mmCIF file of all heavy atoms, coordinates in Angstrom:
data_MODEL
# 
_entry.id   MODEL 
# 
loop_
_atom_site.group_PDB 
_atom_site.id 
_atom_site.type_symbol 
_atom_site.label_atom_id 
_atom_site.label_alt_id 
_atom_site.label_comp_id 
_atom_site.label_asym_id 
_atom_site.label_entity_id 
_atom_site.label_seq_id 
_atom_site.pdbx_PDB_ins_code 
_atom_site.Cartn_x 
_atom_site.Cartn_y 
_atom_site.Cartn_z 
_atom_site.occupancy 
_atom_site.B_iso_or_equiv 
_atom_site.pdbx_formal_charge 
_atom_site.auth_seq_id 
_atom_site.auth_comp_id 
_atom_site.auth_asym_id 
_atom_site.auth_atom_id 
_atom_site.pdbx_PDB_model_num 
ATOM 1   N N   . ASN A 1 1  ? -2.007 4.666   3.897   1.00 0.00 ? 1  ASN A N   1 
ATOM 2   C CA  . ASN A 1 1  ? -3.073 5.497   3.346   1.00 0.00 ? 1  ASN A CA  1 
ATOM 3   C C   . ASN A 1 1  ? -2.667 6.960   3.208   1.00 0.00 ? 1  ASN A C   1 
ATOM 4   O O   . ASN A 1 1  ? -3.172 7.666   2.337   1.00 0.00 ? 1  ASN A O   1 
ATOM 5   C CB  . ASN A 1 1  ? -4.326 5.381   4.214   1.00 0.00 ? 1  ASN A CB  1 
ATOM 6   C CG  . ASN A 1 1  ? -4.992 4.025   4.087   1.00 0.00 ? 1  ASN A CG  1 
ATOM 7   O OD1 . ASN A 1 1  ? -4.805 3.319   3.096   1.00 0.00 ? 1  ASN A OD1 1 
ATOM 8   N ND2 . ASN A 1 1  ? -5.773 3.654   5.084   1.00 0.00 ? 1  ASN A ND2 1 
ATOM 9   N N   . ALA A 1 2  ? -1.772 7.403   4.060   1.00 0.00 ? 2  ALA A N   1 
ATOM 10  C CA  . ALA A 1 2  ? -1.309 8.783   3.976   1.00 0.00 ? 2  ALA A CA  1 
ATOM 11  C C   . ALA A 1 2  ? -0.492 9.017   2.714   1.00 0.00 ? 2  ALA A C   1 
ATOM 12  O O   . ALA A 1 2  ? -0.488 10.118  2.164   1.00 0.00 ? 2  ALA A O   1 
ATOM 13  C CB  . ALA A 1 2  ? -0.498 9.142   5.210   1.00 0.00 ? 2  ALA A CB  1 
ATOM 14  N N   . LYS A 1 3  ? 0.200  7.989   2.254   1.00 0.00 ? 3  LYS A N   1 
ATOM 15  C CA  . LYS A 1 3  ? 1.039  8.098   1.065   1.00 0.00 ? 3  LYS A CA  1 
ATOM 16  C C   . LYS A 1 3  ? 0.401  7.484   -0.173  1.00 0.00 ? 3  LYS A C   1 
ATOM 17  O O   . LYS A 1 3  ? 0.994  7.507   -1.250  1.00 0.00 ? 3  LYS A O   1 
ATOM 18  C CB  . LYS A 1 3  ? 2.393  7.442   1.318   1.00 0.00 ? 3  LYS A CB  1 
ATOM 19  C CG  . LYS A 1 3  ? 3.209  8.112   2.406   1.00 0.00 ? 3  LYS A CG  1 
ATOM 20  C CD  . LYS A 1 3  ? 4.551  7.431   2.584   1.00 0.00 ? 3  LYS A CD  1 
ATOM 21  C CE  . LYS A 1 3  ? 5.389  8.114   3.642   1.00 0.00 ? 3  LYS A CE  1 
ATOM 22  N NZ  . LYS A 1 3  ? 6.704  7.447   3.826   1.00 0.00 ? 3  LYS A NZ  1 
ATOM 23  N N   . ASN A 1 4  ? -0.791 6.922   -0.014  1.00 0.00 ? 4  ASN A N   1 
ATOM 24  C CA  . ASN A 1 4  ? -1.504 6.283   -1.125  1.00 0.00 ? 4  ASN A CA  1 
ATOM 25  C C   . ASN A 1 4  ? -0.669 5.182   -1.773  1.00 0.00 ? 4  ASN A C   1 
ATOM 26  O O   . ASN A 1 4  ? -0.550 5.102   -3.001  1.00 0.00 ? 4  ASN A O   1 
ATOM 27  C CB  . ASN A 1 4  ? -1.908 7.311   -2.175  1.00 0.00 ? 4  ASN A CB  1 
ATOM 28  C CG  . ASN A 1 4  ? -3.081 8.167   -1.742  1.00 0.00 ? 4  ASN A CG  1 
ATOM 29  O OD1 . ASN A 1 4  ? -3.493 8.154   -0.586  1.00 0.00 ? 4  ASN A OD1 1 
ATOM 30  N ND2 . ASN A 1 4  ? -3.627 8.925   -2.683  1.00 0.00 ? 4  ASN A ND2 1 
ATOM 31  N N   . THR A 1 5  ? -0.100 4.346   -0.947  1.00 0.00 ? 5  THR A N   1 
ATOM 32  C CA  . THR A 1 5  ? 0.717  3.257   -1.463  1.00 0.00 ? 5  THR A CA  1 
ATOM 33  C C   . THR A 1 5  ? 0.353  1.938   -0.803  1.00 0.00 ? 5  THR A C   1 
ATOM 34  O O   . THR A 1 5  ? -0.125 1.900   0.331   1.00 0.00 ? 5  THR A O   1 
ATOM 35  C CB  . THR A 1 5  ? 2.215  3.510   -1.238  1.00 0.00 ? 5  THR A CB  1 
ATOM 36  O OG1 . THR A 1 5  ? 2.471  3.672   0.160   1.00 0.00 ? 5  THR A OG1 1 
ATOM 37  C CG2 . THR A 1 5  ? 2.676  4.745   -1.990  1.00 0.00 ? 5  THR A CG2 1 
ATOM 38  N N   . VAL A 1 6  ? 0.587  0.878   -1.526  1.00 0.00 ? 6  VAL A N   1 
ATOM 39  C CA  . VAL A 1 6  ? 0.445  -0.468  -0.997  1.00 0.00 ? 6  VAL A CA  1 
ATOM 40  C C   . VAL A 1 6  ? 1.690  -1.231  -1.409  1.00 0.00 ? 6  VAL A C   1 
ATOM 41  O O   . VAL A 1 6  ? 2.223  -1.019  -2.501  1.00 0.00 ? 6  VAL A O   1 
ATOM 42  C CB  . VAL A 1 6  ? -0.838 -1.157  -1.513  1.00 0.00 ? 6  VAL A CB  1 
ATOM 43  C CG1 . VAL A 1 6  ? -0.825 -1.279  -3.033  1.00 0.00 ? 6  VAL A CG1 1 
ATOM 44  C CG2 . VAL A 1 6  ? -1.015 -2.521  -0.864  1.00 0.00 ? 6  VAL A CG2 1 
ATOM 45  N N   . ALA A 1 7  ? 2.161  -2.086  -0.529  1.00 0.00 ? 7  ALA A N   1 
ATOM 46  C CA  . ALA A 1 7  ? 3.386  -2.812  -0.791  1.00 0.00 ? 7  ALA A CA  1 
ATOM 47  C C   . ALA A 1 7  ? 3.192  -4.298  -0.573  1.00 0.00 ? 7  ALA A C   1 
ATOM 48  O O   . ALA A 1 7  ? 2.290  -4.734  0.145   1.00 0.00 ? 7  ALA A O   1 
ATOM 49  C CB  . ALA A 1 7  ? 4.512  -2.300  0.106   1.00 0.00 ? 7  ALA A CB  1 
ATOM 50  N N   . LEU A 1 8  ? 4.034  -5.060  -1.220  1.00 0.00 ? 8  LEU A N   1 
ATOM 51  C CA  . LEU A 1 8  ? 4.063  -6.502  -1.023  1.00 0.00 ? 8  LEU A CA  1 
ATOM 52  C C   . LEU A 1 8  ? 5.504  -6.904  -0.778  1.00 0.00 ? 8  LEU A C   1 
ATOM 53  O O   . LEU A 1 8  ? 6.328  -6.866  -1.694  1.00 0.00 ? 8  LEU A O   1 
ATOM 54  C CB  . LEU A 1 8  ? 3.508  -7.236  -2.243  1.00 0.00 ? 8  LEU A CB  1 
ATOM 55  C CG  . LEU A 1 8  ? 3.406  -8.758  -2.096  1.00 0.00 ? 8  LEU A CG  1 
ATOM 56  C CD1 . LEU A 1 8  ? 2.320  -9.116  -1.083  1.00 0.00 ? 8  LEU A CD1 1 
ATOM 57  C CD2 . LEU A 1 8  ? 3.107  -9.413  -3.443  1.00 0.00 ? 8  LEU A CD2 1 
ATOM 58  N N   . GLN A 1 9  ? 5.790  -7.242  0.457   1.00 0.00 ? 9  GLN A N   1 
ATOM 59  C CA  . GLN A 1 9  ? 7.114  -7.714  0.817   1.00 0.00 ? 9  GLN A CA  1 
ATOM 60  C C   . GLN A 1 9  ? 7.156  -9.210  0.588   1.00 0.00 ? 9  GLN A C   1 
ATOM 61  O O   . GLN A 1 9  ? 6.366  -9.952  1.167   1.00 0.00 ? 9  GLN A O   1 
ATOM 62  C CB  . GLN A 1 9  ? 7.428  -7.394  2.275   1.00 0.00 ? 9  GLN A CB  1 
ATOM 63  C CG  . GLN A 1 9  ? 8.775  -7.904  2.758   1.00 0.00 ? 9  GLN A CG  1 
ATOM 64  C CD  . GLN A 1 9  ? 9.939  -7.234  2.071   1.00 0.00 ? 9  GLN A CD  1 
ATOM 65  O OE1 . GLN A 1 9  ? 9.950  -6.018  1.923   1.00 0.00 ? 9  GLN A OE1 1 
ATOM 66  N NE2 . GLN A 1 9  ? 10.920 -8.015  1.639   1.00 0.00 ? 9  GLN A NE2 1 
ATOM 67  N N   . MET A 1 10 ? 8.064  -9.661  -0.253  1.00 0.00 ? 10 MET A N   1 
ATOM 68  C CA  . MET A 1 10 ? 8.156  -11.061 -0.616  1.00 0.00 ? 10 MET A CA  1 
ATOM 69  C C   . MET A 1 10 ? 9.491  -11.611 -0.142  1.00 0.00 ? 10 MET A C   1 
ATOM 70  O O   . MET A 1 10 ? 10.549 -11.183 -0.610  1.00 0.00 ? 10 MET A O   1 
ATOM 71  C CB  . MET A 1 10 ? 8.009  -11.242 -2.125  1.00 0.00 ? 10 MET A CB  1 
ATOM 72  C CG  . MET A 1 10 ? 6.731  -10.637 -2.698  1.00 0.00 ? 10 MET A CG  1 
ATOM 73  S SD  . MET A 1 10 ? 6.522  -10.979 -4.467  1.00 0.00 ? 10 MET A SD  1 
ATOM 74  C CE  . MET A 1 10 ? 7.917  -10.051 -5.123  1.00 0.00 ? 10 MET A CE  1 
ATOM 75  N N   . ASN A 1 11 ? 9.428  -12.551 0.776   1.00 0.00 ? 11 ASN A N   1 
ATOM 76  C CA  . ASN A 1 11 ? 10.620 -13.185 1.316   1.00 0.00 ? 11 ASN A CA  1 
ATOM 77  C C   . ASN A 1 11 ? 10.631 -14.664 0.957   1.00 0.00 ? 11 ASN A C   1 
ATOM 78  O O   . ASN A 1 11 ? 9.614  -15.244 0.594   1.00 0.00 ? 11 ASN A O   1 
ATOM 79  C CB  . ASN A 1 11 ? 10.673 -13.021 2.835   1.00 0.00 ? 11 ASN A CB  1 
ATOM 80  C CG  . ASN A 1 11 ? 10.735 -11.586 3.274   1.00 0.00 ? 11 ASN A CG  1 
ATOM 81  O OD1 . ASN A 1 11 ? 11.338 -10.743 2.614   1.00 0.00 ? 11 ASN A OD1 1 
ATOM 82  N ND2 . ASN A 1 11 ? 10.122 -11.287 4.417   1.00 0.00 ? 11 ASN A ND2 1 
ATOM 83  N N   . SER A 1 12 ? 11.793 -15.265 1.092   1.00 0.00 ? 12 SER A N   1 
ATOM 84  C CA  . SER A 1 12 ? 11.953 -16.692 0.814   1.00 0.00 ? 12 SER A CA  1 
ATOM 85  C C   . SER A 1 12 ? 11.349 -17.070 -0.524  1.00 0.00 ? 12 SER A C   1 
ATOM 86  O O   . SER A 1 12 ? 10.598 -18.041 -0.653  1.00 0.00 ? 12 SER A O   1 
ATOM 87  C CB  . SER A 1 12 ? 11.317 -17.522 1.935   1.00 0.00 ? 12 SER A CB  1 
ATOM 88  O OG  . SER A 1 12 ? 11.901 -17.223 3.185   1.00 0.00 ? 12 SER A OG  1 
ATOM 89  N N   . LEU A 1 13 ? 11.681 -16.317 -1.526  1.00 0.00 ? 13 LEU A N   1 
ATOM 90  C CA  . LEU A 1 13 ? 11.092 -16.513 -2.844  1.00 0.00 ? 13 LEU A CA  1 
ATOM 91  C C   . LEU A 1 13 ? 11.480 -17.854 -3.452  1.00 0.00 ? 13 LEU A C   1 
ATOM 92  O O   . LEU A 1 13 ? 12.594 -18.340 -3.265  1.00 0.00 ? 13 LEU A O   1 
ATOM 93  C CB  . LEU A 1 13 ? 11.493 -15.378 -3.767  1.00 0.00 ? 13 LEU A CB  1 
ATOM 94  C CG  . LEU A 1 13 ? 10.742 -14.070 -3.521  1.00 0.00 ? 13 LEU A CG  1 
ATOM 95  C CD1 . LEU A 1 13 ? 11.471 -12.902 -4.155  1.00 0.00 ? 13 LEU A CD1 1 
ATOM 96  C CD2 . LEU A 1 13 ? 9.318  -14.181 -4.066  1.00 0.00 ? 13 LEU A CD2 1 
ATOM 97  N N   . LYS A 1 14 ? 10.529 -18.415 -4.167  1.00 0.00 ? 14 LYS A N   1 
ATOM 98  C CA  . LYS A 1 14 ? 10.698 -19.696 -4.833  1.00 0.00 ? 14 LYS A CA  1 
ATOM 99  C C   . LYS A 1 14 ? 10.527 -19.516 -6.334  1.00 0.00 ? 14 LYS A C   1 
ATOM 100 O O   . LYS A 1 14 ? 9.866  -18.580 -6.774  1.00 0.00 ? 14 LYS A O   1 
ATOM 101 C CB  . LYS A 1 14 ? 9.655  -20.702 -4.330  1.00 0.00 ? 14 LYS A CB  1 
ATOM 102 C CG  . LYS A 1 14 ? 9.620  -20.892 -2.827  1.00 0.00 ? 14 LYS A CG  1 
ATOM 103 C CD  . LYS A 1 14 ? 8.457  -21.791 -2.430  1.00 0.00 ? 14 LYS A CD  1 
ATOM 104 C CE  . LYS A 1 14 ? 8.389  -21.977 -0.936  1.00 0.00 ? 14 LYS A CE  1 
ATOM 105 N NZ  . LYS A 1 14 ? 7.238  -22.836 -0.542  1.00 0.00 ? 14 LYS A NZ  1 
ATOM 106 N N   . PRO A 1 15 ? 11.094 -20.411 -7.131  1.00 0.00 ? 15 PRO A N   1 
ATOM 107 C CA  . PRO A 1 15 ? 10.873 -20.318 -8.578  1.00 0.00 ? 15 PRO A CA  1 
ATOM 108 C C   . PRO A 1 15 ? 9.398  -20.308 -8.944  1.00 0.00 ? 15 PRO A C   1 
ATOM 109 O O   . PRO A 1 15 ? 9.017  -19.683 -9.936  1.00 0.00 ? 15 PRO A O   1 
ATOM 110 C CB  . PRO A 1 15 ? 11.577 -21.571 -9.107  1.00 0.00 ? 15 PRO A CB  1 
ATOM 111 C CG  . PRO A 1 15 ? 12.664 -21.815 -8.126  1.00 0.00 ? 15 PRO A CG  1 
ATOM 112 C CD  . PRO A 1 15 ? 12.063 -21.460 -6.794  1.00 0.00 ? 15 PRO A CD  1 
ATOM 113 N N   . GLU A 1 16 ? 8.572  -20.963 -8.153  1.00 0.00 ? 16 GLU A N   1 
ATOM 114 C CA  . GLU A 1 16 ? 7.139  -21.010 -8.391  1.00 0.00 ? 16 GLU A CA  1 
ATOM 115 C C   . GLU A 1 16 ? 6.464  -19.656 -8.219  1.00 0.00 ? 16 GLU A C   1 
ATOM 116 O O   . GLU A 1 16 ? 5.310  -19.477 -8.620  1.00 0.00 ? 16 GLU A O   1 
ATOM 117 C CB  . GLU A 1 16 ? 6.473  -22.032 -7.462  1.00 0.00 ? 16 GLU A CB  1 
ATOM 118 C CG  . GLU A 1 16 ? 6.869  -23.480 -7.720  1.00 0.00 ? 16 GLU A CG  1 
ATOM 119 C CD  . GLU A 1 16 ? 8.265  -23.811 -7.226  1.00 0.00 ? 16 GLU A CD  1 
ATOM 120 O OE1 . GLU A 1 16 ? 8.712  -23.209 -6.226  1.00 0.00 ? 16 GLU A OE1 1 
ATOM 121 O OE2 . GLU A 1 16 ? 8.920  -24.666 -7.847  1.00 0.00 ? 16 GLU A OE2 1 
ATOM 122 N N   . ASP A 1 17 ? 7.160  -18.704 -7.624  1.00 0.00 ? 17 ASP A N   1 
ATOM 123 C CA  . ASP A 1 17 ? 6.624  -17.356 -7.471  1.00 0.00 ? 17 ASP A CA  1 
ATOM 124 C C   . ASP A 1 17 ? 6.805  -16.516 -8.726  1.00 0.00 ? 17 ASP A C   1 
ATOM 125 O O   . ASP A 1 17 ? 6.300  -15.396 -8.799  1.00 0.00 ? 17 ASP A O   1 
ATOM 126 C CB  . ASP A 1 17 ? 7.295  -16.643 -6.295  1.00 0.00 ? 17 ASP A CB  1 
ATOM 127 C CG  . ASP A 1 17 ? 6.995  -17.305 -4.966  1.00 0.00 ? 17 ASP A CG  1 
ATOM 128 O OD1 . ASP A 1 17 ? 5.828  -17.687 -4.737  1.00 0.00 ? 17 ASP A OD1 1 
ATOM 129 O OD2 . ASP A 1 17 ? 7.925  -17.436 -4.148  1.00 0.00 ? 17 ASP A OD2 1 
ATOM 130 N N   . THR A 1 18 ? 7.534  -17.035 -9.693  1.00 0.00 ? 18 THR A N   1 
ATOM 131 C CA  . THR A 1 18 ? 7.768  -16.302 -10.927 1.00 0.00 ? 18 THR A CA  1 
ATOM 132 C C   . THR A 1 18 ? 6.452  -16.005 -11.636 1.00 0.00 ? 18 THR A C   1 
ATOM 133 O O   . THR A 1 18 ? 5.679  -16.914 -11.927 1.00 0.00 ? 18 THR A O   1 
ATOM 134 C CB  . THR A 1 18 ? 8.694  -17.096 -11.856 1.00 0.00 ? 18 THR A CB  1 
ATOM 135 O OG1 . THR A 1 18 ? 9.979  -17.230 -11.250 1.00 0.00 ? 18 THR A OG1 1 
ATOM 136 C CG2 . THR A 1 18 ? 8.852  -16.392 -13.199 1.00 0.00 ? 18 THR A CG2 1 
ATOM 137 N N   . ALA A 1 19 ? 6.210  -14.744 -11.900 1.00 0.00 ? 19 ALA A N   1 
ATOM 138 C CA  . ALA A 1 19 ? 4.966  -14.320 -12.527 1.00 0.00 ? 19 ALA A CA  1 
ATOM 139 C C   . ALA A 1 19 ? 4.994  -12.811 -12.722 1.00 0.00 ? 19 ALA A C   1 
ATOM 140 O O   . ALA A 1 19 ? 5.885  -12.124 -12.225 1.00 0.00 ? 19 ALA A O   1 
ATOM 141 C CB  . ALA A 1 19 ? 3.756  -14.703 -11.662 1.00 0.00 ? 19 ALA A CB  1 
ATOM 142 N N   . VAL A 1 20 ? 4.006  -12.321 -13.436 1.00 0.00 ? 20 VAL A N   1 
ATOM 143 C CA  . VAL A 1 20 ? 3.764  -10.892 -13.476 1.00 0.00 ? 20 VAL A CA  1 
ATOM 144 C C   . VAL A 1 20 ? 2.832  -10.575 -12.318 1.00 0.00 ? 20 VAL A C   1 
ATOM 145 O O   . VAL A 1 20 ? 1.769  -11.190 -12.184 1.00 0.00 ? 20 VAL A O   1 
ATOM 146 C CB  . VAL A 1 20 ? 3.132  -10.448 -14.807 1.00 0.00 ? 20 VAL A CB  1 
ATOM 147 C CG1 . VAL A 1 20 ? 2.788  -8.962  -14.767 1.00 0.00 ? 20 VAL A CG1 1 
ATOM 148 C CG2 . VAL A 1 20 ? 4.079  -10.738 -15.960 1.00 0.00 ? 20 VAL A CG2 1 
ATOM 149 N N   . TYR A 1 21 ? 3.219  -9.632  -11.495 1.00 0.00 ? 21 TYR A N   1 
ATOM 150 C CA  . TYR A 1 21 ? 2.437  -9.267  -10.328 1.00 0.00 ? 21 TYR A CA  1 
ATOM 151 C C   . TYR A 1 21 ? 1.671  -7.982  -10.591 1.00 0.00 ? 21 TYR A C   1 
ATOM 152 O O   . TYR A 1 21 ? 2.239  -6.998  -11.076 1.00 0.00 ? 21 TYR A O   1 
ATOM 153 C CB  . TYR A 1 21 ? 3.344  -9.099  -9.113  1.00 0.00 ? 21 TYR A CB  1 
ATOM 154 C CG  . TYR A 1 21 ? 3.780  -10.415 -8.530  1.00 0.00 ? 21 TYR A CG  1 
ATOM 155 C CD1 . TYR A 1 21 ? 4.673  -11.235 -9.210  1.00 0.00 ? 21 TYR A CD1 1 
ATOM 156 C CD2 . TYR A 1 21 ? 3.283  -10.861 -7.303  1.00 0.00 ? 21 TYR A CD2 1 
ATOM 157 C CE1 . TYR A 1 21 ? 5.058  -12.453 -8.695  1.00 0.00 ? 21 TYR A CE1 1 
ATOM 158 C CE2 . TYR A 1 21 ? 3.672  -12.078 -6.780  1.00 0.00 ? 21 TYR A CE2 1 
ATOM 159 C CZ  . TYR A 1 21 ? 4.558  -12.871 -7.478  1.00 0.00 ? 21 TYR A CZ  1 
ATOM 160 O OH  . TYR A 1 21 ? 4.942  -14.084 -6.951  1.00 0.00 ? 21 TYR A OH  1 
ATOM 161 N N   . TYR A 1 22 ? 0.384  -7.999  -10.255 1.00 0.00 ? 22 TYR A N   1 
ATOM 162 C CA  . TYR A 1 22 ? -0.500 -6.875  -10.505 1.00 0.00 ? 22 TYR A CA  1 
ATOM 163 C C   . TYR A 1 22 ? -1.070 -6.317  -9.213  1.00 0.00 ? 22 TYR A C   1 
ATOM 164 O O   . TYR A 1 22 ? -1.498 -7.068  -8.335  1.00 0.00 ? 22 TYR A O   1 
ATOM 165 C CB  . TYR A 1 22 ? -1.671 -7.291  -11.398 1.00 0.00 ? 22 TYR A CB  1 
ATOM 166 C CG  . TYR A 1 22 ? -1.276 -7.763  -12.775 1.00 0.00 ? 22 TYR A CG  1 
ATOM 167 C CD1 . TYR A 1 22 ? -0.982 -9.095  -13.016 1.00 0.00 ? 22 TYR A CD1 1 
ATOM 168 C CD2 . TYR A 1 22 ? -1.212 -6.862  -13.831 1.00 0.00 ? 22 TYR A CD2 1 
ATOM 169 C CE1 . TYR A 1 22 ? -0.631 -9.531  -14.280 1.00 0.00 ? 22 TYR A CE1 1 
ATOM 170 C CE2 . TYR A 1 22 ? -0.867 -7.292  -15.100 1.00 0.00 ? 22 TYR A CE2 1 
ATOM 171 C CZ  . TYR A 1 22 ? -0.579 -8.624  -15.320 1.00 0.00 ? 22 TYR A CZ  1 
ATOM 172 O OH  . TYR A 1 22 ? -0.238 -9.055  -16.577 1.00 0.00 ? 22 TYR A OH  1 
ATOM 173 N N   . CYS A 1 23 ? -1.096 -5.029  -9.127  1.00 0.00 ? 23 CYS A N   1 
ATOM 174 C CA  . CYS A 1 23 ? -1.765 -4.322  -8.050  1.00 0.00 ? 23 CYS A CA  1 
ATOM 175 C C   . CYS A 1 23 ? -3.188 -4.018  -8.491  1.00 0.00 ? 23 CYS A C   1 
ATOM 176 O O   . CYS A 1 23 ? -3.422 -3.662  -9.645  1.00 0.00 ? 23 CYS A O   1 
ATOM 177 C CB  . CYS A 1 23 ? -1.006 -3.027  -7.740  1.00 0.00 ? 23 CYS A CB  1 
ATOM 178 S SG  . CYS A 1 23 ? -1.763 -1.970  -6.496  1.00 0.00 ? 23 CYS A SG  1 
ATOM 179 N N   . ALA A 1 24 ? -4.146 -4.169  -7.591  1.00 0.00 ? 24 ALA A N   1 
ATOM 180 C CA  . ALA A 1 24 ? -5.544 -3.938  -7.927  1.00 0.00 ? 24 ALA A CA  1 
ATOM 181 C C   . ALA A 1 24 ? -6.249 -3.180  -6.819  1.00 0.00 ? 24 ALA A C   1 
ATOM 182 O O   . ALA A 1 24 ? -5.892 -3.295  -5.646  1.00 0.00 ? 24 ALA A O   1 
ATOM 183 C CB  . ALA A 1 24 ? -6.254 -5.271  -8.180  1.00 0.00 ? 24 ALA A CB  1 
ATOM 184 N N   . ALA A 1 25 ? -7.272 -2.425  -7.200  1.00 0.00 ? 25 ALA A N   1 
ATOM 185 C CA  . ALA A 1 25 ? -8.073 -1.652  -6.253  1.00 0.00 ? 25 ALA A CA  1 
ATOM 186 C C   . ALA A 1 25 ? -9.546 -1.899  -6.516  1.00 0.00 ? 25 ALA A C   1 
ATOM 187 O O   . ALA A 1 25 ? -9.983 -1.922  -7.669  1.00 0.00 ? 25 ALA A O   1 
ATOM 188 C CB  . ALA A 1 25 ? -7.758 -0.161  -6.373  1.00 0.00 ? 25 ALA A CB  1 
# 
């Protein structure tokens, strides 16, 4: 919150994770 950022750490990625990823508020 101090930096006004949100992150998504993605590990063990699979082909099924392929997509356009969107951040939302």
